[in-house]
Amino acid sequence: MAVAPPQPTPTAEIQVGERVRALREAMGLSLRGLAERSGVSAQMLSQVERGETSPTLAVAARIAAGLELTLSQLLRLDEGGAVTVVRAADRLRGGATGRGHRYDVLTPPLPGQRAEVSLHTLEPGAATGGAGDPPIHEPGARETAVVAAGELTLVCDGVAHRLAEGDAVTFDADLPHHFENDSGADARFYAIVAAGLRRS
């Protein structure tokens, strides 16, 4: 007798959706960009991120591939006690293969979490995006970037800001923006994105 698999709870759907959104934003991808990489429609991705639907395993596998993760990495859910430790070996890793951009997500996508921290590495000549890319963060979001090593340039709303090791910059993350490394060495920076902080 065939046994139907257990249905995911609403909480599980929300956790998966938050994980997808956190990873997508850490990669600097819009919904449309992830749709192109995964073959899953932007509408479906939006529903998954909002916890309105639970993806089938086939769809989840395509989303994971678009995020350059395994299915098990994407679907791993954190229980979320008072303290959650993310070991270095257990970080969610991704990036644009062949484009010189790699990242680690340092914060687990816990229910209700309104901030995310990621560590990015840009190889010489690489960028997290480009001019004309649409904003990827929700209205009111703010981002702080801290340069851990090397030099890079933040291009925010068409204006370039040169940053050196140790520099930090805070900006409205719902504006079009990306980071570029036009130096001759790798650049590493931390990105901290917090939702809904900007005052109207």
N, C-alpha and C. Protein backbone atom coordinates (compact mmCIF):
# COMPACT_ATOMS: atom_id res chain seq x y z
N MET A 1 0.85 -1.19 0.00
CA MET A 1 0.00 0.00 0.00
C MET A 1 0.89 1.24 0.00
N ALA A 2 0.62 2.15 -0.92
CA ALA A 2 1.40 3.38 -0.98
C ALA A 2 1.03 4.28 0.18
N VAL A 3 2.02 4.89 0.77
CA VAL A 3 1.79 5.80 1.89
C VAL A 3 2.16 7.20 1.45
N ALA A 4 1.24 8.11 1.60
CA ALA A 4 1.50 9.49 1.20
C ALA A 4 2.54 10.10 2.13
N PRO A 5 3.48 10.84 1.58
CA PRO A 5 4.48 11.46 2.44
C PRO A 5 3.84 12.51 3.32
N PRO A 6 4.40 12.77 4.50
CA PRO A 6 3.83 13.79 5.37
C PRO A 6 3.88 15.15 4.71
N GLN A 7 2.84 15.93 4.94
CA GLN A 7 2.78 17.27 4.36
C GLN A 7 3.57 18.24 5.23
N PRO A 8 4.31 19.15 4.63
CA PRO A 8 5.07 20.10 5.42
C PRO A 8 4.14 21.03 6.18
N THR A 9 4.56 21.40 7.37
CA THR A 9 3.76 22.32 8.17
C THR A 9 3.93 23.73 7.63
N PRO A 10 2.99 24.65 7.97
CA PRO A 10 3.16 26.04 7.54
C PRO A 10 4.49 26.62 7.99
N THR A 11 4.93 26.25 9.22
CA THR A 11 6.21 26.77 9.70
C THR A 11 7.35 26.30 8.82
N ALA A 12 7.32 25.04 8.39
CA ALA A 12 8.37 24.52 7.52
C ALA A 12 8.38 25.25 6.19
N GLU A 13 7.19 25.52 5.65
CA GLU A 13 7.12 26.24 4.38
C GLU A 13 7.73 27.63 4.51
N ILE A 14 7.44 28.30 5.64
CA ILE A 14 8.00 29.63 5.86
C ILE A 14 9.51 29.56 5.98
N GLN A 15 10.02 28.54 6.70
CA GLN A 15 11.47 28.41 6.86
C GLN A 15 12.16 28.19 5.52
N VAL A 16 11.60 27.32 4.69
CA VAL A 16 12.18 27.08 3.37
C VAL A 16 12.14 28.37 2.56
N GLY A 17 11.02 29.07 2.60
CA GLY A 17 10.90 30.32 1.85
C GLY A 17 11.90 31.35 2.31
N GLU A 18 12.09 31.48 3.62
CA GLU A 18 13.06 32.44 4.14
C GLU A 18 14.47 32.06 3.74
N ARG A 19 14.74 30.76 3.71
CA ARG A 19 16.07 30.30 3.29
C ARG A 19 16.31 30.66 1.82
N VAL A 20 15.33 30.40 0.97
CA VAL A 20 15.47 30.72 -0.45
C VAL A 20 15.70 32.21 -0.64
N ARG A 21 14.91 33.03 0.04
CA ARG A 21 15.06 34.48 -0.11
C ARG A 21 16.42 34.95 0.39
N ALA A 22 16.86 34.45 1.55
CA ALA A 22 18.15 34.86 2.10
C ALA A 22 19.29 34.51 1.16
N LEU A 23 19.24 33.31 0.59
CA LEU A 23 20.29 32.88 -0.33
C LEU A 23 20.25 33.67 -1.63
N ARG A 24 19.04 33.90 -2.13
CA ARG A 24 18.91 34.65 -3.39
C ARG A 24 19.48 36.06 -3.22
N GLU A 25 19.12 36.71 -2.12
CA GLU A 25 19.59 38.08 -1.90
C GLU A 25 21.09 38.11 -1.64
N ALA A 26 21.60 37.09 -0.95
CA ALA A 26 23.05 37.04 -0.71
C ALA A 26 23.82 36.89 -2.02
N MET A 27 23.21 36.23 -3.00
CA MET A 27 23.85 36.07 -4.31
C MET A 27 23.67 37.30 -5.19
N GLY A 28 22.86 38.26 -4.72
CA GLY A 28 22.61 39.44 -5.53
C GLY A 28 21.66 39.19 -6.69
N LEU A 29 20.76 38.22 -6.52
CA LEU A 29 19.83 37.86 -7.59
C LEU A 29 18.44 38.43 -7.33
N SER A 30 17.80 38.90 -8.36
CA SER A 30 16.39 39.25 -8.29
C SER A 30 15.58 37.97 -8.46
N LEU A 31 14.27 38.05 -8.22
CA LEU A 31 13.41 36.89 -8.47
C LEU A 31 13.53 36.45 -9.93
N ARG A 32 13.56 37.42 -10.81
CA ARG A 32 13.67 37.10 -12.24
C ARG A 32 15.01 36.42 -12.54
N GLY A 33 16.08 36.91 -11.88
CA GLY A 33 17.39 36.31 -12.10
C GLY A 33 17.44 34.87 -11.66
N LEU A 34 16.85 34.58 -10.48
CA LEU A 34 16.83 33.20 -10.00
C LEU A 34 15.93 32.35 -10.88
N ALA A 35 14.85 32.94 -11.38
CA ALA A 35 13.96 32.20 -12.28
C ALA A 35 14.71 31.74 -13.53
N GLU A 36 15.55 32.63 -14.06
CA GLU A 36 16.31 32.28 -15.26
C GLU A 36 17.34 31.19 -14.97
N ARG A 37 17.93 31.23 -13.79
CA ARG A 37 18.97 30.25 -13.44
C ARG A 37 18.38 28.89 -13.09
N SER A 38 17.16 28.89 -12.54
CA SER A 38 16.58 27.64 -12.02
C SER A 38 15.53 27.02 -12.93
N GLY A 39 14.93 27.83 -13.82
CA GLY A 39 13.84 27.32 -14.63
C GLY A 39 12.52 27.28 -13.88
N VAL A 40 12.47 27.87 -12.69
CA VAL A 40 11.23 27.99 -11.91
C VAL A 40 10.72 29.42 -12.07
N SER A 41 9.43 29.59 -12.34
CA SER A 41 8.90 30.91 -12.63
C SER A 41 9.07 31.85 -11.45
N ALA A 42 9.20 33.15 -11.75
CA ALA A 42 9.33 34.15 -10.70
C ALA A 42 8.10 34.15 -9.80
N GLN A 43 6.93 33.89 -10.37
CA GLN A 43 5.71 33.85 -9.57
C GLN A 43 5.76 32.71 -8.56
N MET A 44 6.19 31.54 -9.00
CA MET A 44 6.31 30.40 -8.09
C MET A 44 7.36 30.68 -7.01
N LEU A 45 8.49 31.25 -7.40
CA LEU A 45 9.54 31.58 -6.44
C LEU A 45 9.02 32.55 -5.38
N SER A 46 8.26 33.54 -5.82
CA SER A 46 7.69 34.51 -4.88
C SER A 46 6.76 33.84 -3.88
N GLN A 47 5.95 32.91 -4.36
CA GLN A 47 5.02 32.19 -3.48
C GLN A 47 5.79 31.32 -2.48
N VAL A 48 6.86 30.69 -2.94
CA VAL A 48 7.68 29.86 -2.05
C VAL A 48 8.33 30.74 -0.98
N GLU A 49 8.89 31.88 -1.38
CA GLU A 49 9.57 32.75 -0.43
C GLU A 49 8.61 33.29 0.63
N ARG A 50 7.37 33.52 0.25
CA ARG A 50 6.38 34.05 1.21
C ARG A 50 5.72 32.95 2.02
N GLY A 51 6.09 31.70 1.77
CA GLY A 51 5.51 30.60 2.52
C GLY A 51 4.09 30.27 2.11
N GLU A 52 3.68 30.71 0.91
CA GLU A 52 2.32 30.48 0.45
C GLU A 52 2.16 29.11 -0.20
N THR A 53 3.27 28.51 -0.60
CA THR A 53 3.21 27.19 -1.21
C THR A 53 4.48 26.42 -0.87
N SER A 54 4.37 25.11 -0.86
CA SER A 54 5.54 24.26 -0.61
C SER A 54 5.97 23.64 -1.94
N PRO A 55 7.23 23.84 -2.34
CA PRO A 55 7.66 23.30 -3.63
C PRO A 55 7.75 21.78 -3.61
N THR A 56 7.45 21.16 -4.73
CA THR A 56 7.69 19.72 -4.86
C THR A 56 9.20 19.49 -4.81
N LEU A 57 9.60 18.25 -4.62
CA LEU A 57 11.02 17.94 -4.58
C LEU A 57 11.70 18.31 -5.89
N ALA A 58 10.99 18.10 -7.00
CA ALA A 58 11.57 18.43 -8.31
C ALA A 58 11.81 19.93 -8.42
N VAL A 59 10.82 20.72 -7.98
CA VAL A 59 10.96 22.17 -8.04
C VAL A 59 12.04 22.64 -7.06
N ALA A 60 12.04 22.06 -5.86
CA ALA A 60 13.05 22.43 -4.87
C ALA A 60 14.46 22.13 -5.38
N ALA A 61 14.61 21.02 -6.09
CA ALA A 61 15.91 20.65 -6.64
C ALA A 61 16.37 21.67 -7.68
N ARG A 62 15.42 22.17 -8.49
CA ARG A 62 15.77 23.19 -9.49
C ARG A 62 16.14 24.51 -8.83
N ILE A 63 15.40 24.86 -7.75
CA ILE A 63 15.73 26.08 -7.02
C ILE A 63 17.12 25.96 -6.41
N ALA A 64 17.40 24.80 -5.81
CA ALA A 64 18.72 24.57 -5.21
C ALA A 64 19.81 24.70 -6.26
N ALA A 65 19.59 24.13 -7.43
CA ALA A 65 20.59 24.22 -8.50
C ALA A 65 20.81 25.67 -8.91
N GLY A 66 19.72 26.44 -8.97
CA GLY A 66 19.84 27.85 -9.31
C GLY A 66 20.63 28.63 -8.28
N LEU A 67 20.61 28.17 -7.04
CA LEU A 67 21.36 28.80 -5.96
C LEU A 67 22.73 28.15 -5.75
N GLU A 68 23.06 27.18 -6.63
CA GLU A 68 24.33 26.47 -6.59
C GLU A 68 24.51 25.73 -5.27
N LEU A 69 23.43 25.08 -4.83
CA LEU A 69 23.44 24.27 -3.61
C LEU A 69 22.90 22.89 -3.93
N THR A 70 23.14 21.95 -3.03
CA THR A 70 22.48 20.66 -3.15
C THR A 70 21.09 20.78 -2.56
N LEU A 71 20.23 19.83 -2.90
CA LEU A 71 18.88 19.84 -2.35
C LEU A 71 18.90 19.72 -0.84
N SER A 72 19.79 18.89 -0.30
CA SER A 72 19.85 18.72 1.15
C SER A 72 20.29 20.00 1.84
N GLN A 73 21.20 20.75 1.22
CA GLN A 73 21.61 22.03 1.80
C GLN A 73 20.45 23.01 1.83
N LEU A 74 19.68 23.04 0.76
CA LEU A 74 18.56 23.99 0.70
C LEU A 74 17.48 23.66 1.71
N LEU A 75 17.18 22.38 1.88
CA LEU A 75 16.05 21.99 2.72
C LEU A 75 16.41 21.77 4.18
N ARG A 76 17.68 21.91 4.54
CA ARG A 76 18.05 21.74 5.95
C ARG A 76 17.45 22.87 6.77
N LEU A 77 16.64 22.53 7.76
CA LEU A 77 15.95 23.52 8.56
C LEU A 77 16.57 23.59 9.95
N ASP A 78 16.79 24.81 10.41
CA ASP A 78 17.34 25.01 11.75
C ASP A 78 16.21 25.06 12.76
N GLU A 79 16.39 24.39 13.89
CA GLU A 79 15.35 24.34 14.89
C GLU A 79 15.15 25.67 15.58
N GLY A 80 16.21 26.43 15.73
CA GLY A 80 16.04 27.78 16.23
C GLY A 80 15.79 27.90 17.72
N GLY A 81 16.74 27.48 18.56
CA GLY A 81 16.63 27.70 19.98
C GLY A 81 17.12 29.10 20.33
N ALA A 82 17.41 29.32 21.62
CA ALA A 82 17.87 30.64 22.05
C ALA A 82 19.22 30.98 21.43
N VAL A 83 20.04 29.96 21.19
CA VAL A 83 21.35 30.16 20.58
C VAL A 83 21.50 29.19 19.41
N THR A 84 21.86 29.71 18.26
CA THR A 84 22.10 28.87 17.09
C THR A 84 23.53 29.09 16.61
N VAL A 85 24.33 28.06 16.62
CA VAL A 85 25.72 28.15 16.19
C VAL A 85 25.83 27.61 14.77
N VAL A 86 26.44 28.39 13.90
CA VAL A 86 26.71 27.95 12.53
C VAL A 86 28.21 27.68 12.43
N ARG A 87 28.59 26.42 12.39
CA ARG A 87 30.00 26.07 12.30
C ARG A 87 30.55 26.43 10.93
N ALA A 88 31.84 26.72 10.90
CA ALA A 88 32.46 27.11 9.63
C ALA A 88 32.24 26.06 8.55
N ALA A 89 32.30 24.79 8.94
CA ALA A 89 32.14 23.71 7.96
C ALA A 89 30.70 23.55 7.50
N ASP A 90 29.76 24.15 8.24
CA ASP A 90 28.34 23.98 7.92
C ASP A 90 27.71 25.19 7.25
N ARG A 91 28.51 26.19 6.94
CA ARG A 91 27.96 27.38 6.29
C ARG A 91 27.32 27.02 4.95
N LEU A 92 26.25 27.72 4.62
CA LEU A 92 25.69 27.61 3.28
C LEU A 92 26.57 28.40 2.34
N ARG A 93 27.05 27.73 1.29
CA ARG A 93 27.98 28.38 0.37
C ARG A 93 27.38 28.43 -1.02
N GLY A 94 27.73 29.45 -1.74
CA GLY A 94 27.24 29.58 -3.10
C GLY A 94 28.07 30.60 -3.85
N GLY A 95 27.53 31.04 -4.95
CA GLY A 95 28.21 32.03 -5.76
C GLY A 95 28.00 31.78 -7.22
N ALA A 96 28.44 32.70 -8.01
CA ALA A 96 28.29 32.61 -9.45
C ALA A 96 29.51 31.90 -10.03
N THR A 97 29.35 30.64 -10.37
CA THR A 97 30.46 29.84 -10.88
C THR A 97 31.05 30.49 -12.14
N GLY A 98 32.36 30.65 -12.13
CA GLY A 98 33.03 31.22 -13.29
C GLY A 98 32.96 32.72 -13.37
N ARG A 99 32.29 33.35 -12.40
CA ARG A 99 32.16 34.81 -12.44
C ARG A 99 32.98 35.49 -11.34
N GLY A 100 33.67 34.70 -10.55
CA GLY A 100 34.56 35.29 -9.56
C GLY A 100 33.90 35.81 -8.31
N HIS A 101 32.68 35.39 -8.04
CA HIS A 101 31.96 35.84 -6.83
C HIS A 101 31.54 34.62 -6.03
N ARG A 102 32.04 34.53 -4.79
CA ARG A 102 31.66 33.46 -3.89
C ARG A 102 31.14 34.08 -2.60
N TYR A 103 30.28 33.35 -1.90
CA TYR A 103 29.77 33.88 -0.64
C TYR A 103 29.45 32.75 0.32
N ASP A 104 29.45 33.07 1.60
CA ASP A 104 28.99 32.19 2.67
C ASP A 104 27.89 32.92 3.43
N VAL A 105 26.79 32.24 3.70
CA VAL A 105 25.74 32.81 4.55
C VAL A 105 26.07 32.44 5.99
N LEU A 106 26.22 33.44 6.85
CA LEU A 106 26.66 33.21 8.22
C LEU A 106 25.51 33.10 9.21
N THR A 107 24.35 33.61 8.85
CA THR A 107 23.20 33.56 9.75
C THR A 107 22.19 32.54 9.25
N PRO A 108 21.64 31.70 10.13
CA PRO A 108 20.61 30.76 9.70
C PRO A 108 19.29 31.49 9.49
N PRO A 109 18.48 31.10 8.51
CA PRO A 109 17.20 31.77 8.25
C PRO A 109 16.13 31.33 9.24
N LEU A 110 16.22 31.81 10.45
CA LEU A 110 15.26 31.44 11.49
C LEU A 110 13.94 32.17 11.30
N PRO A 111 12.83 31.59 11.72
CA PRO A 111 11.53 32.26 11.59
C PRO A 111 11.55 33.63 12.26
N GLY A 112 11.06 34.62 11.55
CA GLY A 112 10.96 35.96 12.11
C GLY A 112 12.25 36.76 12.07
N GLN A 113 13.33 36.16 11.62
CA GLN A 113 14.60 36.88 11.58
C GLN A 113 14.55 37.97 10.53
N ARG A 114 14.99 39.17 10.91
CA ARG A 114 14.90 40.32 10.01
C ARG A 114 16.26 40.82 9.57
N ALA A 115 17.30 40.06 9.84
CA ALA A 115 18.64 40.47 9.41
C ALA A 115 19.41 39.25 8.93
N GLU A 116 20.34 39.48 8.02
CA GLU A 116 21.17 38.40 7.51
C GLU A 116 22.59 38.91 7.32
N VAL A 117 23.54 38.03 7.56
CA VAL A 117 24.95 38.37 7.44
C VAL A 117 25.59 37.38 6.48
N SER A 118 26.36 37.89 5.54
CA SER A 118 27.04 37.02 4.58
C SER A 118 28.45 37.53 4.35
N LEU A 119 29.34 36.61 4.01
CA LEU A 119 30.74 36.93 3.73
C LEU A 119 31.00 36.67 2.25
N HIS A 120 31.45 37.70 1.54
CA HIS A 120 31.62 37.62 0.09
C HIS A 120 33.09 37.73 -0.29
N THR A 121 33.47 37.01 -1.34
CA THR A 121 34.80 37.12 -1.93
C THR A 121 34.64 37.47 -3.40
N LEU A 122 35.30 38.54 -3.82
CA LEU A 122 35.29 38.96 -5.22
C LEU A 122 36.70 38.85 -5.77
N GLU A 123 36.86 38.08 -6.83
CA GLU A 123 38.15 37.98 -7.48
C GLU A 123 38.41 39.23 -8.32
N PRO A 124 39.66 39.49 -8.70
CA PRO A 124 39.95 40.66 -9.52
C PRO A 124 39.08 40.71 -10.78
N GLY A 125 38.47 41.85 -11.02
CA GLY A 125 37.63 42.04 -12.19
C GLY A 125 36.20 41.56 -12.03
N ALA A 126 35.87 40.97 -10.89
CA ALA A 126 34.53 40.41 -10.69
C ALA A 126 33.60 41.44 -10.06
N ALA A 127 32.30 41.15 -10.13
CA ALA A 127 31.28 42.03 -9.55
C ALA A 127 30.11 41.18 -9.07
N THR A 128 29.35 41.72 -8.13
CA THR A 128 28.17 41.00 -7.64
C THR A 128 26.96 41.20 -8.54
N GLY A 129 27.04 42.15 -9.43
CA GLY A 129 25.93 42.43 -10.34
C GLY A 129 26.40 43.41 -11.39
N GLY A 130 25.46 44.21 -11.89
CA GLY A 130 25.83 45.18 -12.90
C GLY A 130 24.82 46.29 -13.01
N ALA A 131 25.19 47.33 -13.76
CA ALA A 131 24.29 48.45 -13.97
C ALA A 131 23.01 47.97 -14.63
N GLY A 132 21.90 48.48 -14.15
CA GLY A 132 20.61 48.09 -14.72
C GLY A 132 19.93 46.96 -13.99
N ASP A 133 20.65 46.29 -13.07
CA ASP A 133 20.01 45.24 -12.28
C ASP A 133 18.95 45.85 -11.37
N PRO A 134 17.79 45.23 -11.23
CA PRO A 134 16.75 45.78 -10.36
C PRO A 134 17.12 45.59 -8.90
N PRO A 135 16.52 46.39 -7.99
CA PRO A 135 16.76 46.19 -6.56
C PRO A 135 16.35 44.78 -6.14
N ILE A 136 17.09 44.20 -5.19
CA ILE A 136 16.79 42.84 -4.77
C ILE A 136 16.27 42.76 -3.35
N HIS A 137 16.32 43.87 -2.61
CA HIS A 137 15.86 43.84 -1.22
C HIS A 137 14.52 44.56 -1.09
N GLU A 138 13.79 44.22 -0.06
CA GLU A 138 12.46 44.78 0.14
C GLU A 138 12.54 46.26 0.50
N PRO A 139 11.46 47.02 0.25
CA PRO A 139 11.46 48.45 0.58
C PRO A 139 11.77 48.67 2.06
N GLY A 140 12.61 49.67 2.33
CA GLY A 140 12.97 49.99 3.70
C GLY A 140 14.18 49.26 4.22
N ALA A 141 14.74 48.32 3.44
CA ALA A 141 15.90 47.55 3.92
C ALA A 141 17.15 48.42 3.88
N ARG A 142 18.03 48.16 4.83
CA ARG A 142 19.33 48.82 4.85
C ARG A 142 20.43 47.77 4.86
N GLU A 143 21.54 48.12 4.24
CA GLU A 143 22.69 47.21 4.19
C GLU A 143 23.93 47.92 4.68
N THR A 144 24.73 47.21 5.46
CA THR A 144 26.05 47.68 5.86
C THR A 144 27.07 46.68 5.33
N ALA A 145 28.09 47.19 4.68
CA ALA A 145 29.17 46.34 4.17
C ALA A 145 30.47 46.76 4.85
N VAL A 146 31.25 45.79 5.26
CA VAL A 146 32.54 46.03 5.91
C VAL A 146 33.61 45.30 5.11
N VAL A 147 34.61 46.03 4.65
CA VAL A 147 35.67 45.43 3.84
C VAL A 147 36.67 44.74 4.76
N ALA A 148 36.78 43.43 4.64
CA ALA A 148 37.69 42.66 5.49
C ALA A 148 39.09 42.56 4.89
N ALA A 149 39.18 42.58 3.57
CA ALA A 149 40.48 42.48 2.91
C ALA A 149 40.38 43.06 1.51
N GLY A 150 41.43 43.75 1.08
CA GLY A 150 41.47 44.28 -0.28
C GLY A 150 40.72 45.58 -0.44
N GLU A 151 40.39 45.89 -1.68
CA GLU A 151 39.67 47.11 -2.04
C GLU A 151 38.54 46.76 -2.99
N LEU A 152 37.46 47.52 -2.91
CA LEU A 152 36.36 47.32 -3.85
C LEU A 152 35.57 48.61 -3.99
N THR A 153 34.62 48.60 -4.90
CA THR A 153 33.79 49.76 -5.16
C THR A 153 32.33 49.38 -5.03
N LEU A 154 31.58 50.17 -4.26
CA LEU A 154 30.13 50.04 -4.21
C LEU A 154 29.54 51.01 -5.22
N VAL A 155 28.71 50.50 -6.11
CA VAL A 155 27.96 51.36 -7.03
C VAL A 155 26.51 51.31 -6.58
N CYS A 156 26.04 52.41 -5.99
CA CYS A 156 24.69 52.48 -5.44
C CYS A 156 23.92 53.60 -6.13
N ASP A 157 22.83 53.23 -6.77
CA ASP A 157 22.00 54.20 -7.49
C ASP A 157 22.82 55.00 -8.49
N GLY A 158 23.79 54.32 -9.12
CA GLY A 158 24.59 54.94 -10.16
C GLY A 158 25.80 55.71 -9.69
N VAL A 159 26.02 55.80 -8.37
CA VAL A 159 27.16 56.55 -7.83
C VAL A 159 28.18 55.57 -7.25
N ALA A 160 29.46 55.74 -7.63
CA ALA A 160 30.52 54.84 -7.18
C ALA A 160 31.15 55.34 -5.89
N HIS A 161 31.41 54.40 -4.97
CA HIS A 161 32.04 54.72 -3.69
C HIS A 161 33.20 53.75 -3.49
N ARG A 162 34.42 54.29 -3.46
CA ARG A 162 35.62 53.46 -3.32
C ARG A 162 35.81 53.09 -1.86
N LEU A 163 36.09 51.82 -1.59
CA LEU A 163 36.24 51.33 -0.22
C LEU A 163 37.55 50.57 -0.08
N ALA A 164 38.26 50.82 1.02
CA ALA A 164 39.52 50.14 1.30
C ALA A 164 39.34 49.22 2.50
N GLU A 165 40.33 48.39 2.76
CA GLU A 165 40.27 47.46 3.88
C GLU A 165 39.97 48.21 5.18
N GLY A 166 38.99 47.73 5.92
CA GLY A 166 38.59 48.36 7.18
C GLY A 166 37.47 49.36 7.03
N ASP A 167 37.19 49.81 5.80
CA ASP A 167 36.10 50.76 5.58
C ASP A 167 34.75 50.07 5.73
N ALA A 168 33.75 50.85 6.12
CA ALA A 168 32.38 50.36 6.21
C ALA A 168 31.46 51.37 5.53
N VAL A 169 30.38 50.88 4.96
CA VAL A 169 29.42 51.75 4.30
C VAL A 169 28.02 51.23 4.60
N THR A 170 27.09 52.15 4.84
CA THR A 170 25.69 51.80 5.07
C THR A 170 24.85 52.54 4.05
N PHE A 171 23.89 51.84 3.45
CA PHE A 171 23.10 52.45 2.39
C PHE A 171 21.72 51.82 2.32
N ASP A 172 20.82 52.49 1.61
CA ASP A 172 19.47 51.99 1.41
C ASP A 172 19.53 50.82 0.43
N ALA A 173 19.25 49.63 0.93
CA ALA A 173 19.45 48.42 0.14
C ALA A 173 18.37 48.18 -0.90
N ASP A 174 17.29 48.99 -0.85
CA ASP A 174 16.25 48.83 -1.86
C ASP A 174 16.55 49.67 -3.10
N LEU A 175 17.72 50.31 -3.14
CA LEU A 175 18.18 50.99 -4.35
C LEU A 175 19.02 50.03 -5.19
N PRO A 176 19.07 50.23 -6.50
CA PRO A 176 19.93 49.38 -7.33
C PRO A 176 21.39 49.52 -6.87
N HIS A 177 22.07 48.41 -6.66
CA HIS A 177 23.45 48.49 -6.19
C HIS A 177 24.19 47.19 -6.50
N HIS A 178 25.50 47.30 -6.57
CA HIS A 178 26.36 46.12 -6.69
C HIS A 178 27.77 46.51 -6.27
N PHE A 179 28.59 45.49 -6.05
CA PHE A 179 29.99 45.70 -5.67
C PHE A 179 30.89 45.23 -6.81
N GLU A 180 31.99 45.96 -7.02
CA GLU A 180 32.95 45.63 -8.07
C GLU A 180 34.36 45.55 -7.47
N ASN A 181 35.17 44.67 -8.01
CA ASN A 181 36.57 44.60 -7.63
C ASN A 181 37.42 44.85 -8.87
N ASP A 182 37.92 46.07 -8.98
CA ASP A 182 38.77 46.40 -10.13
C ASP A 182 40.24 46.46 -9.73
N SER A 183 40.56 45.83 -8.60
CA SER A 183 41.96 45.78 -8.16
C SER A 183 42.61 44.50 -8.68
N GLY A 184 43.86 44.29 -8.29
CA GLY A 184 44.58 43.11 -8.76
C GLY A 184 44.61 41.97 -7.77
N ALA A 185 43.83 42.08 -6.69
CA ALA A 185 43.82 41.03 -5.66
C ALA A 185 42.39 40.76 -5.22
N ASP A 186 42.18 39.60 -4.60
CA ASP A 186 40.85 39.28 -4.08
C ASP A 186 40.41 40.32 -3.06
N ALA A 187 39.12 40.57 -3.01
CA ALA A 187 38.52 41.44 -2.00
C ALA A 187 37.49 40.64 -1.23
N ARG A 188 37.46 40.81 0.09
CA ARG A 188 36.49 40.12 0.93
C ARG A 188 35.73 41.15 1.75
N PHE A 189 34.42 40.95 1.83
CA PHE A 189 33.63 41.89 2.63
C PHE A 189 32.44 41.18 3.26
N TYR A 190 32.04 41.71 4.41
CA TYR A 190 30.84 41.24 5.09
C TYR A 190 29.68 42.14 4.69
N ALA A 191 28.53 41.53 4.45
CA ALA A 191 27.31 42.28 4.14
C ALA A 191 26.26 41.95 5.19
N ILE A 192 25.73 42.99 5.82
CA ILE A 192 24.68 42.83 6.83
C ILE A 192 23.44 43.55 6.32
N VAL A 193 22.38 42.81 6.07
CA VAL A 193 21.15 43.39 5.54
C VAL A 193 20.06 43.27 6.61
N ALA A 194 19.45 44.40 6.94
CA ALA A 194 18.36 44.43 7.92
C ALA A 194 17.13 44.99 7.25
N ALA A 195 16.01 44.33 7.44
CA ALA A 195 14.77 44.73 6.77
C ALA A 195 14.03 45.78 7.58
N GLY A 196 13.41 46.71 6.85
CA GLY A 196 12.48 47.66 7.45
C GLY A 196 13.07 48.64 8.43
N LEU A 197 14.34 49.04 8.25
CA LEU A 197 14.96 49.96 9.20
C LEU A 197 14.90 51.41 8.76
N ARG A 198 14.75 51.67 7.48
CA ARG A 198 14.83 53.05 7.01
C ARG A 198 13.62 53.84 7.44
N ARG A 199 13.88 55.02 7.95
CA ARG A 199 12.78 55.89 8.36
C ARG A 199 12.19 56.55 7.13
N SER A 200 10.87 56.74 7.12
CA SER A 200 10.23 57.39 5.98
C SER A 200 10.36 58.89 6.09
